[in-house]
Amino acid sequence: MNSSITVRDIDPRDKSWLKREAREVGVSMEELVRRLIREKRTKTERRPKPSEAFARHFGEEHGIELPPPVRCGYRPLSFSDEDRE
Protein backbone atom coordinates (compact mmCIF):
# COMPACT_ATOMS: atom_id res chain seq x y z
CA MET A 1 0.00 0.00 0.00
CA ASN A 2 2.00 2.88 -1.29
CA SER A 3 0.28 6.25 -1.23
CA SER A 4 1.54 9.74 -0.69
CA ILE A 5 -0.01 13.00 0.37
CA THR A 6 1.14 16.41 -0.74
CA VAL A 7 0.42 19.27 1.62
CA ARG A 8 0.34 22.61 -0.09
CA ASP A 9 0.72 26.01 1.52
CA ILE A 10 2.03 24.63 4.80
CA ASP A 11 3.33 27.22 7.18
CA PRO A 12 7.18 27.18 7.07
CA ARG A 13 7.27 27.20 10.88
CA ASP A 14 5.10 24.06 10.98
CA LYS A 15 7.32 22.36 8.43
CA SER A 16 10.47 23.19 10.36
CA TRP A 17 8.79 21.93 13.55
CA LEU A 18 7.95 18.66 11.81
CA LYS A 19 11.55 18.31 10.60
CA ARG A 20 12.93 18.96 14.10
CA GLU A 21 10.54 16.52 15.76
CA ALA A 22 11.20 13.83 13.17
CA ARG A 23 14.95 14.26 13.51
CA GLU A 24 14.68 14.10 17.31
CA VAL A 25 12.68 10.86 17.18
CA GLY A 26 14.82 9.44 14.38
CA VAL A 27 12.13 8.90 11.76
CA SER A 28 11.17 10.53 8.50
CA MET A 29 8.69 13.40 8.38
CA GLU A 30 6.19 11.11 6.66
CA GLU A 31 6.43 8.51 9.41
CA LEU A 32 6.03 11.19 12.07
CA VAL A 33 2.86 12.44 10.37
CA ARG A 34 1.53 8.86 10.18
CA ARG A 35 2.16 8.41 13.89
CA LEU A 36 0.49 11.73 14.73
CA ILE A 37 -2.57 10.80 12.67
CA ARG A 38 -2.77 7.33 14.23
CA GLU A 39 -2.46 8.80 17.74
CA LYS A 40 -5.17 11.39 17.07
CA ARG A 41 -7.50 8.77 15.57
CA THR A 42 -7.16 6.42 18.54
CA LYS A 43 -7.85 9.27 20.97
CA THR A 44 -11.01 10.36 19.16
CA GLU A 45 -12.53 6.94 18.49
CA ARG A 46 -15.54 6.32 20.65
CA ARG A 47 -16.72 2.98 21.86
CA PRO A 48 -20.19 2.03 20.67
CA LYS A 49 -22.97 1.54 23.21
CA PRO A 50 -23.83 -2.12 23.82
CA SER A 51 -27.19 -1.58 22.08
CA GLU A 52 -25.40 -0.12 19.02
CA ALA A 53 -23.03 -3.08 18.84
CA PHE A 54 -25.93 -5.52 19.20
CA ALA A 55 -27.90 -3.74 16.47
CA ARG A 56 -24.88 -3.73 14.14
CA HIS A 57 -24.36 -7.49 14.46
CA PHE A 58 -27.95 -8.69 14.94
CA GLY A 59 -30.10 -5.89 13.48
CA GLU A 60 -32.91 -6.00 10.96
CA GLU A 61 -30.51 -6.26 8.01
CA HIS A 62 -29.40 -9.61 9.49
CA GLY A 63 -32.95 -10.93 9.89
CA ILE A 64 -33.49 -10.20 13.58
CA GLU A 65 -36.16 -7.82 14.81
CA LEU A 66 -35.04 -5.79 17.81
CA PRO A 67 -37.52 -5.15 20.61
CA PRO A 68 -38.69 -1.55 20.92
CA PRO A 69 -36.74 0.47 23.49
CA VAL A 70 -38.49 1.49 26.72
CA ARG A 71 -37.56 4.10 29.27
CA CYS A 72 -34.95 2.00 31.13
CA GLY A 73 -33.58 -0.03 28.25
CA TYR A 74 -35.07 -3.01 26.45
CA ARG A 75 -38.03 -4.98 27.75
CA PRO A 76 -37.20 -8.57 28.58
CA LEU A 77 -38.38 -10.93 25.88
CA SER A 78 -40.93 -13.56 26.77
CA PHE A 79 -41.74 -16.61 24.70
CA SER A 80 -44.55 -18.07 26.79
CA ASP A 81 -48.29 -17.48 26.38
CA GLU A 82 -48.72 -16.90 30.12
CA ASP A 83 -46.68 -13.68 30.07
CA ARG A 84 -48.81 -12.19 27.29
CA GLU A 85 -51.95 -12.11 29.44
PDB file of N, CA and C in Angstrom:
ATOM      1  N   MET A   1       0.849  -1.156   0.000  1.00  0.00           N
ATOM      2  CA  MET A   1       0.000   0.000   0.000  1.00  0.00           C
ATOM      3  C   MET A   1       0.903   1.230   0.000  1.00  0.00           C
ATOM      4  N   ASN A   2       1.112   1.746  -1.159  1.00  0.00           N
ATOM      5  CA  ASN A   2       1.999   2.878  -1.293  1.00  0.00           C
ATOM      6  C   ASN A   2       1.190   4.080  -1.756  1.00  0.00           C
ATOM      7  N   SER A   3       0.996   5.026  -0.865  1.00  0.00           N
ATOM      8  CA  SER A   3       0.284   6.252  -1.226  1.00  0.00           C
ATOM      9  C   SER A   3       1.008   7.429  -0.594  1.00  0.00           C
ATOM     10  N   SER A   4       0.879   8.561  -1.222  1.00  0.00           N
ATOM     11  CA  SER A   4       1.543   9.740  -0.688  1.00  0.00           C
ATOM     12  C   SER A   4       0.558  10.895  -0.666  1.00  0.00           C
ATOM     13  N   ILE A   5       0.818  11.812   0.214  1.00  0.00           N
ATOM     14  CA  ILE A   5      -0.008  13.000   0.368  1.00  0.00           C
ATOM     15  C   ILE A   5       0.882  14.215   0.186  1.00  0.00           C
ATOM     16  N   THR A   6       0.412  15.157  -0.571  1.00  0.00           N
ATOM     17  CA  THR A   6       1.138  16.407  -0.739  1.00  0.00           C
ATOM     18  C   THR A   6       0.374  17.492  -0.003  1.00  0.00           C
ATOM     19  N   VAL A   7       1.048  18.176   0.875  1.00  0.00           N
ATOM     20  CA  VAL A   7       0.425  19.267   1.621  1.00  0.00           C
ATOM     21  C   VAL A   7       0.915  20.575   1.020  1.00  0.00           C
ATOM     22  N   ARG A   8      -0.007  21.336   0.516  1.00  0.00           N
ATOM     23  CA  ARG A   8       0.343  22.609  -0.093  1.00  0.00           C
ATOM     24  C   ARG A   8       0.114  23.743   0.895  1.00  0.00           C
ATOM     25  N   ASP A   9       0.852  24.794   0.715  1.00  0.00           N
ATOM     26  CA  ASP A   9       0.718  26.011   1.520  1.00  0.00           C
ATOM     27  C   ASP A   9       0.851  25.746   3.017  1.00  0.00           C
ATOM     28  N   ILE A  10       1.783  24.872   3.377  1.00  0.00           N
ATOM     29  CA  ILE A  10       2.030  24.626   4.795  1.00  0.00           C
ATOM     30  C   ILE A  10       2.879  25.764   5.341  1.00  0.00           C
ATOM     31  N   ASP A  11       2.582  26.152   6.530  1.00  0.00           N
ATOM     32  CA  ASP A  11       3.331  27.218   7.184  1.00  0.00           C
ATOM     33  C   ASP A  11       4.788  26.767   7.343  1.00  0.00           C
ATOM     34  N   PRO A  12       5.765  27.581   6.942  1.00  0.00           N
ATOM     35  CA  PRO A  12       7.176  27.183   7.065  1.00  0.00           C
ATOM     36  C   PRO A  12       7.576  26.843   8.505  1.00  0.00           C
ATOM     37  N   ARG A  13       6.962  27.523   9.476  1.00  0.00           N
ATOM     38  CA  ARG A  13       7.270  27.203  10.881  1.00  0.00           C
ATOM     39  C   ARG A  13       6.790  25.815  11.243  1.00  0.00           C
ATOM     40  N   ASP A  14       5.605  25.415  10.713  1.00  0.00           N
ATOM     41  CA  ASP A  14       5.098  24.063  10.975  1.00  0.00           C
ATOM     42  C   ASP A  14       5.990  23.012  10.324  1.00  0.00           C
ATOM     43  N   LYS A  15       6.450  23.309   9.127  1.00  0.00           N
ATOM     44  CA  LYS A  15       7.321  22.364   8.430  1.00  0.00           C
ATOM     45  C   LYS A  15       8.650  22.202   9.158  1.00  0.00           C
ATOM     46  N   SER A  16       9.204  23.296   9.629  1.00  0.00           N
ATOM     47  CA  SER A  16      10.473  23.191  10.361  1.00  0.00           C
ATOM     48  C   SER A  16      10.261  22.465  11.692  1.00  0.00           C
ATOM     49  N   TRP A  17       9.096  22.661  12.317  1.00  0.00           N
ATOM     50  CA  TRP A  17       8.793  21.935  13.553  1.00  0.00           C
ATOM     51  C   TRP A  17       8.722  20.432  13.278  1.00  0.00           C
ATOM     52  N   LEU A  18       8.040  20.066  12.188  1.00  0.00           N
ATOM     53  CA  LEU A  18       7.954  18.656  11.813  1.00  0.00           C
ATOM     54  C   LEU A  18       9.339  18.059  11.570  1.00  0.00           C
ATOM     55  N   LYS A  19      10.189  18.800  10.870  1.00  0.00           N
ATOM     56  CA  LYS A  19      11.546  18.306  10.601  1.00  0.00           C
ATOM     57  C   LYS A  19      12.308  18.090  11.896  1.00  0.00           C
ATOM     58  N   ARG A  20      12.230  19.071  12.814  1.00  0.00           N
ATOM     59  CA  ARG A  20      12.933  18.956  14.101  1.00  0.00           C
ATOM     60  C   ARG A  20      12.431  17.758  14.903  1.00  0.00           C
ATOM     61  N   GLU A  21      11.111  17.632  14.990  1.00  0.00           N
ATOM     62  CA  GLU A  21      10.537  16.525  15.759  1.00  0.00           C
ATOM     63  C   GLU A  21      10.916  15.173  15.155  1.00  0.00           C
ATOM     64  N   ALA A  22      10.853  15.087  13.839  1.00  0.00           N
ATOM     65  CA  ALA A  22      11.201  13.835  13.170  1.00  0.00           C
ATOM     66  C   ALA A  22      12.663  13.488  13.390  1.00  0.00           C
ATOM     67  N   ARG A  23      13.518  14.476  13.296  1.00  0.00           N
ATOM     68  CA  ARG A  23      14.949  14.256  13.514  1.00  0.00           C
ATOM     69  C   ARG A  23      15.206  13.813  14.946  1.00  0.00           C
ATOM     70  N   GLU A  24      14.498  14.421  15.895  1.00  0.00           N
ATOM     71  CA  GLU A  24      14.681  14.097  17.311  1.00  0.00           C
ATOM     72  C   GLU A  24      14.255  12.650  17.603  1.00  0.00           C
ATOM     73  N   VAL A  25      13.173  12.221  16.975  1.00  0.00           N
ATOM     74  CA  VAL A  25      12.675  10.858  17.181  1.00  0.00           C
ATOM     75  C   VAL A  25      13.461   9.859  16.348  1.00  0.00           C
ATOM     76  N   GLY A  26      14.032  10.317  15.238  1.00  0.00           N
ATOM     77  CA  GLY A  26      14.821   9.437  14.384  1.00  0.00           C
ATOM     78  C   GLY A  26      14.005   8.764  13.300  1.00  0.00           C
ATOM     79  N   VAL A  27      12.957   9.435  12.842  1.00  0.00           N
ATOM     80  CA  VAL A  27      12.130   8.898  11.765  1.00  0.00           C
ATOM     81  C   VAL A  27      11.976   9.974  10.683  1.00  0.00           C
ATOM     82  N   SER A  28      11.402   9.556   9.562  1.00  0.00           N
ATOM     83  CA  SER A  28      11.170  10.530   8.498  1.00  0.00           C
ATOM     84  C   SER A  28       9.968  11.403   8.854  1.00  0.00           C
ATOM     85  N   MET A  29       9.836  12.527   8.149  1.00  0.00           N
ATOM     86  CA  MET A  29       8.688  13.404   8.381  1.00  0.00           C
ATOM     87  C   MET A  29       7.389  12.666   8.082  1.00  0.00           C
ATOM     88  N   GLU A  30       7.385  11.848   7.032  1.00  0.00           N
ATOM     89  CA  GLU A  30       6.188  11.107   6.661  1.00  0.00           C
ATOM     90  C   GLU A  30       5.764  10.143   7.761  1.00  0.00           C
ATOM     91  N   GLU A  31       6.741   9.447   8.335  1.00  0.00           N
ATOM     92  CA  GLU A  31       6.433   8.507   9.412  1.00  0.00           C
ATOM     93  C   GLU A  31       5.927   9.245  10.645  1.00  0.00           C
ATOM     94  N   LEU A  32       6.502  10.403  10.936  1.00  0.00           N
ATOM     95  CA  LEU A  32       6.035  11.188  12.073  1.00  0.00           C
ATOM     96  C   LEU A  32       4.586  11.622  11.868  1.00  0.00           C
ATOM     97  N   VAL A  33       4.239  12.039  10.656  1.00  0.00           N
ATOM     98  CA  VAL A  33       2.863  12.441  10.369  1.00  0.00           C
ATOM     99  C   VAL A  33       1.929  11.243  10.504  1.00  0.00           C
ATOM    100  N   ARG A  34       2.346  10.071  10.025  1.00  0.00           N
ATOM    101  CA  ARG A  34       1.534   8.860  10.177  1.00  0.00           C
ATOM    102  C   ARG A  34       1.272   8.568  11.646  1.00  0.00           C
ATOM    103  N   ARG A  35       2.311   8.681  12.462  1.00  0.00           N
ATOM    104  CA  ARG A  35       2.155   8.413  13.893  1.00  0.00           C
ATOM    105  C   ARG A  35       1.237   9.438  14.552  1.00  0.00           C
ATOM    106  N   LEU A  36       1.367  10.700  14.172  1.00  0.00           N
ATOM    107  CA  LEU A  36       0.495  11.730  14.731  1.00  0.00           C
ATOM    108  C   LEU A  36      -0.967  11.482  14.364  1.00  0.00           C
ATOM    109  N   ILE A  37      -1.197  11.091  13.112  1.00  0.00           N
ATOM    110  CA  ILE A  37      -2.571  10.802  12.668  1.00  0.00           C
ATOM    111  C   ILE A  37      -3.128   9.596  13.421  1.00  0.00           C
ATOM    112  N   ARG A  38      -2.333   8.540  13.533  1.00  0.00           N
ATOM    113  CA  ARG A  38      -2.771   7.334  14.234  1.00  0.00           C
ATOM    114  C   ARG A  38      -3.096   7.629  15.693  1.00  0.00           C
ATOM    115  N   GLU A  39      -2.236   8.435  16.338  1.00  0.00           N
ATOM    116  CA  GLU A  39      -2.457   8.803  17.740  1.00  0.00           C
ATOM    117  C   GLU A  39      -3.750   9.608  17.887  1.00  0.00           C
ATOM    118  N   LYS A  40      -3.961  10.568  17.015  1.00  0.00           N
ATOM    119  CA  LYS A  40      -5.169  11.389  17.072  1.00  0.00           C
ATOM    120  C   LYS A  40      -6.416  10.537  16.839  1.00  0.00           C
ATOM    121  N   ARG A  41      -6.347   9.621  15.881  1.00  0.00           N
ATOM    122  CA  ARG A  41      -7.498   8.773  15.573  1.00  0.00           C
ATOM    123  C   ARG A  41      -7.855   7.886  16.757  1.00  0.00           C
ATOM    124  N   THR A  42      -6.860   7.295  17.411  1.00  0.00           N
ATOM    125  CA  THR A  42      -7.157   6.420  18.540  1.00  0.00           C
ATOM    126  C   THR A  42      -7.711   7.199  19.720  1.00  0.00           C
ATOM    127  N   LYS A  43      -7.318   8.447  19.874  1.00  0.00           N
ATOM    128  CA  LYS A  43      -7.847   9.266  20.966  1.00  0.00           C
ATOM    129  C   LYS A  43      -9.287   9.686  20.722  1.00  0.00           C
ATOM    130  N   THR A  44      -9.678   9.860  19.450  1.00  0.00           N
ATOM    131  CA  THR A  44     -11.012  10.360  19.158  1.00  0.00           C
ATOM    132  C   THR A  44     -12.025   9.264  18.863  1.00  0.00           C
ATOM    133  N   GLU A  45     -11.580   8.016  18.728  1.00  0.00           N
ATOM    134  CA  GLU A  45     -12.529   6.935  18.486  1.00  0.00           C
ATOM    135  C   GLU A  45     -13.375   6.733  19.725  1.00  0.00           C
ATOM    136  N   ARG A  46     -14.674   6.572  19.506  1.00  0.00           N
ATOM    137  CA  ARG A  46     -15.544   6.325  20.648  1.00  0.00           C
ATOM    138  C   ARG A  46     -16.015   4.883  20.604  1.00  0.00           C
ATOM    139  N   ARG A  47     -16.223   4.340  21.767  1.00  0.00           N
ATOM    140  CA  ARG A  47     -16.719   2.976  21.856  1.00  0.00           C
ATOM    141  C   ARG A  47     -18.227   2.994  21.642  1.00  0.00           C
ATOM    142  N   PRO A  48     -18.741   2.065  20.869  1.00  0.00           N
ATOM    143  CA  PRO A  48     -20.193   2.030  20.667  1.00  0.00           C
ATOM    144  C   PRO A  48     -20.904   1.559  21.931  1.00  0.00           C
ATOM    145  N   LYS A  49     -22.144   2.019  22.110  1.00  0.00           N
ATOM    146  CA  LYS A  49     -22.969   1.536  23.215  1.00  0.00           C
ATOM    147  C   LYS A  49     -23.244   0.055  22.969  1.00  0.00           C
ATOM    148  N   PRO A  50     -23.513  -0.707  24.022  1.00  0.00           N
ATOM    149  CA  PRO A  50     -23.834  -2.125  23.816  1.00  0.00           C
ATOM    150  C   PRO A  50     -25.022  -2.314  22.868  1.00  0.00           C
ATOM    151  N   SER A  51     -26.027  -1.446  22.971  1.00  0.00           N
ATOM    152  CA  SER A  51     -27.187  -1.583  22.084  1.00  0.00           C
ATOM    153  C   SER A  51     -26.798  -1.316  20.631  1.00  0.00           C
ATOM    154  N   GLU A  52     -25.868  -0.384  20.379  1.00  0.00           N
ATOM    155  CA  GLU A  52     -25.405  -0.120  19.016  1.00  0.00           C
ATOM    156  C   GLU A  52     -24.636  -1.314  18.460  1.00  0.00           C
ATOM    157  N   ALA A  53     -23.792  -1.910  19.287  1.00  0.00           N
ATOM    158  CA  ALA A  53     -23.025  -3.078  18.843  1.00  0.00           C
ATOM    159  C   ALA A  53     -23.959  -4.250  18.561  1.00  0.00           C
ATOM    160  N   PHE A  54     -24.958  -4.451  19.409  1.00  0.00           N
ATOM    161  CA  PHE A  54     -25.933  -5.521  19.202  1.00  0.00           C
ATOM    162  C   PHE A  54     -26.689  -5.299  17.897  1.00  0.00           C
ATOM    163  N   ALA A  55     -27.143  -4.058  17.679  1.00  0.00           N
ATOM    164  CA  ALA A  55     -27.898  -3.736  16.467  1.00  0.00           C
ATOM    165  C   ALA A  55     -27.039  -3.923  15.218  1.00  0.00           C
ATOM    166  N   ARG A  56     -25.762  -3.583  15.308  1.00  0.00           N
ATOM    167  CA  ARG A  56     -24.880  -3.731  14.144  1.00  0.00           C
ATOM    168  C   ARG A  56     -24.710  -5.198  13.761  1.00  0.00           C
ATOM    169  N   HIS A  57     -24.605  -6.079  14.759  1.00  0.00           N
ATOM    170  CA  HIS A  57     -24.356  -7.492  14.462  1.00  0.00           C
ATOM    171  C   HIS A  57     -25.637  -8.306  14.283  1.00  0.00           C
ATOM    172  N   PHE A  58     -26.730  -7.885  14.964  1.00  0.00           N
ATOM    173  CA  PHE A  58     -27.954  -8.691  14.940  1.00  0.00           C
ATOM    174  C   PHE A  58     -29.170  -7.867  14.539  1.00  0.00           C
ATOM    175  N   GLY A  59     -28.993  -6.789  13.826  1.00  0.00           N
ATOM    176  CA  GLY A  59     -30.098  -5.895  13.478  1.00  0.00           C
ATOM    177  C   GLY A  59     -30.987  -6.439  12.380  1.00  0.00           C
ATOM    178  N   GLU A  60     -31.927  -5.602  11.961  1.00  0.00           N
ATOM    179  CA  GLU A  60     -32.914  -5.999  10.962  1.00  0.00           C
ATOM    180  C   GLU A  60     -32.276  -6.460   9.655  1.00  0.00           C
ATOM    181  N   GLU A  61     -31.149  -5.842   9.265  1.00  0.00           N
ATOM    182  CA  GLU A  61     -30.514  -6.259   8.014  1.00  0.00           C
ATOM    183  C   GLU A  61     -29.954  -7.671   8.092  1.00  0.00           C
ATOM    184  N   HIS A  62     -29.881  -8.231   9.318  1.00  0.00           N
ATOM    185  CA  HIS A  62     -29.404  -9.606   9.494  1.00  0.00           C
ATOM    186  C   HIS A  62     -30.550 -10.547   9.840  1.00  0.00           C
ATOM    187  N   GLY A  63     -31.798 -10.064   9.698  1.00  0.00           N
ATOM    188  CA  GLY A  63     -32.951 -10.933   9.894  1.00  0.00           C
ATOM    189  C   GLY A  63     -33.465 -11.024  11.315  1.00  0.00           C
ATOM    190  N   ILE A  64     -33.029 -10.159  12.201  1.00  0.00           N
ATOM    191  CA  ILE A  64     -33.491 -10.202  13.584  1.00  0.00           C
ATOM    192  C   ILE A  64     -34.210  -8.897  13.887  1.00  0.00           C
ATOM    193  N   GLU A  65     -35.386  -9.009  14.446  1.00  0.00           N
ATOM    194  CA  GLU A  65     -36.156  -7.821  14.805  1.00  0.00           C
ATOM    195  C   GLU A  65     -35.835  -7.453  16.251  1.00  0.00           C
ATOM    196  N   LEU A  66     -35.381  -6.240  16.471  1.00  0.00           N
ATOM    197  CA  LEU A  66     -35.037  -5.793  17.814  1.00  0.00           C
ATOM    198  C   LEU A  66     -36.288  -5.347  18.550  1.00  0.00           C
ATOM    199  N   PRO A  67     -36.360  -5.613  19.857  1.00  0.00           N
ATOM    200  CA  PRO A  67     -37.522  -5.154  20.609  1.00  0.00           C
ATOM    201  C   PRO A  67     -37.510  -3.624  20.709  1.00  0.00           C
ATOM    202  N   PRO A  68     -38.675  -3.011  20.816  1.00  0.00           N
ATOM    203  CA  PRO A  68     -38.692  -1.549  20.917  1.00  0.00           C
ATOM    204  C   PRO A  68     -38.096  -1.089  22.245  1.00  0.00           C
ATOM    205  N   PRO A  69     -37.335  -0.010  22.236  1.00  0.00           N
ATOM    206  CA  PRO A  69     -36.740   0.468  23.492  1.00  0.00           C
ATOM    207  C   PRO A  69     -37.816   1.045  24.414  1.00  0.00           C
ATOM    208  N   VAL A  70     -37.625   0.877  25.704  1.00  0.00           N
ATOM    209  CA  VAL A  70     -38.488   1.487  26.715  1.00  0.00           C
ATOM    210  C   VAL A  70     -37.634   2.435  27.534  1.00  0.00           C
ATOM    211  N   ARG A  71     -38.225   3.048  28.511  1.00  0.00           N
ATOM    212  CA  ARG A  71     -37.557   4.103  29.269  1.00  0.00           C
ATOM    213  C   ARG A  71     -36.233   3.641  29.889  1.00  0.00           C
ATOM    214  N   CYS A  72     -36.161   2.473  30.433  1.00  0.00           N
ATOM    215  CA  CYS A  72     -34.955   2.001  31.127  1.00  0.00           C
ATOM    216  C   CYS A  72     -34.226   0.919  30.348  1.00  0.00           C
ATOM    217  N   GLY A  73     -34.274   0.968  29.054  1.00  0.00           N
ATOM    218  CA  GLY A  73     -33.581  -0.031  28.255  1.00  0.00           C
ATOM    219  C   GLY A  73     -34.576  -0.881  27.504  1.00  0.00           C
ATOM    220  N   TYR A  74     -34.210  -2.123  27.207  1.00  0.00           N
ATOM    221  CA  TYR A  74     -35.072  -3.014  26.449  1.00  0.00           C
ATOM    222  C   TYR A  74     -35.925  -3.856  27.399  1.00  0.00           C
ATOM    223  N   ARG A  75     -37.158  -4.099  26.971  1.00  0.00           N
ATOM    224  CA  ARG A  75     -38.028  -4.976  27.752  1.00  0.00           C
ATOM    225  C   ARG A  75     -37.503  -6.396  27.628  1.00  0.00           C
ATOM    226  N   PRO A  76     -37.619  -7.166  28.692  1.00  0.00           N
ATOM    227  CA  PRO A  76     -37.199  -8.566  28.576  1.00  0.00           C
ATOM    228  C   PRO A  76     -38.130  -9.303  27.629  1.00  0.00           C
ATOM    229  N   LEU A  77     -37.594 -10.162  26.825  1.00  0.00           N
ATOM    230  CA  LEU A  77     -38.384 -10.928  25.876  1.00  0.00           C
ATOM    231  C   LEU A  77     -39.007 -12.120  26.584  1.00  0.00           C
ATOM    232  N   SER A  78     -40.236 -12.418  26.203  1.00  0.00           N
ATOM    233  CA  SER A  78     -40.930 -13.556  26.770  1.00  0.00           C
ATOM    234  C   SER A  78     -41.454 -14.400  25.619  1.00  0.00           C
ATOM    235  N   PHE A  79     -41.298 -15.702  25.737  1.00  0.00           N
ATOM    236  CA  PHE A  79     -41.739 -16.606  24.695  1.00  0.00           C
ATOM    237  C   PHE A  79     -42.912 -17.480  25.132  1.00  0.00           C
ATOM    238  N   SER A  80     -43.442 -17.263  26.322  1.00  0.00           N
ATOM    239  CA  SER A  80     -44.549 -18.073  26.786  1.00  0.00           C
ATOM    240  C   SER A  80     -45.867 -17.337  26.643  1.00  0.00           C
ATOM    241  N   ASP A  81     -46.961 -18.066  26.501  1.00  0.00           N
ATOM    242  CA  ASP A  81     -48.286 -17.476  26.376  1.00  0.00           C
ATOM    243  C   ASP A  81     -48.770 -16.889  27.689  1.00  0.00           C
ATOM    244  N   GLU A  82     -48.279 -17.389  28.815  1.00  0.00           N
ATOM    245  CA  GLU A  82     -48.725 -16.902  30.122  1.00  0.00           C
ATOM    246  C   GLU A  82     -48.326 -15.440  30.349  1.00  0.00           C
ATOM    247  N   ASP A  83     -47.165 -15.041  29.841  1.00  0.00           N
ATOM    248  CA  ASP A  83     -46.683 -13.678  30.068  1.00  0.00           C
ATOM    249  C   ASP A  83     -47.437 -12.669  29.216  1.00  0.00           C
ATOM    250  N   ARG A  84     -48.101 -13.106  28.171  1.00  0.00           N
ATOM    251  CA  ARG A  84     -48.809 -12.188  27.292  1.00  0.00           C
ATOM    252  C   ARG A  84     -50.114 -11.714  27.917  1.00  0.00           C
ATOM    253  N   GLU A  85     -50.668 -12.465  28.834  1.00  0.00           N
ATOM    254  CA  GLU A  85     -51.952 -12.112  29.442  1.00  0.00           C
ATOM    255  C   GLU A  85     -51.832 -11.036  30.477  1.00  0.00           C
TER     256      GLU A  85
END
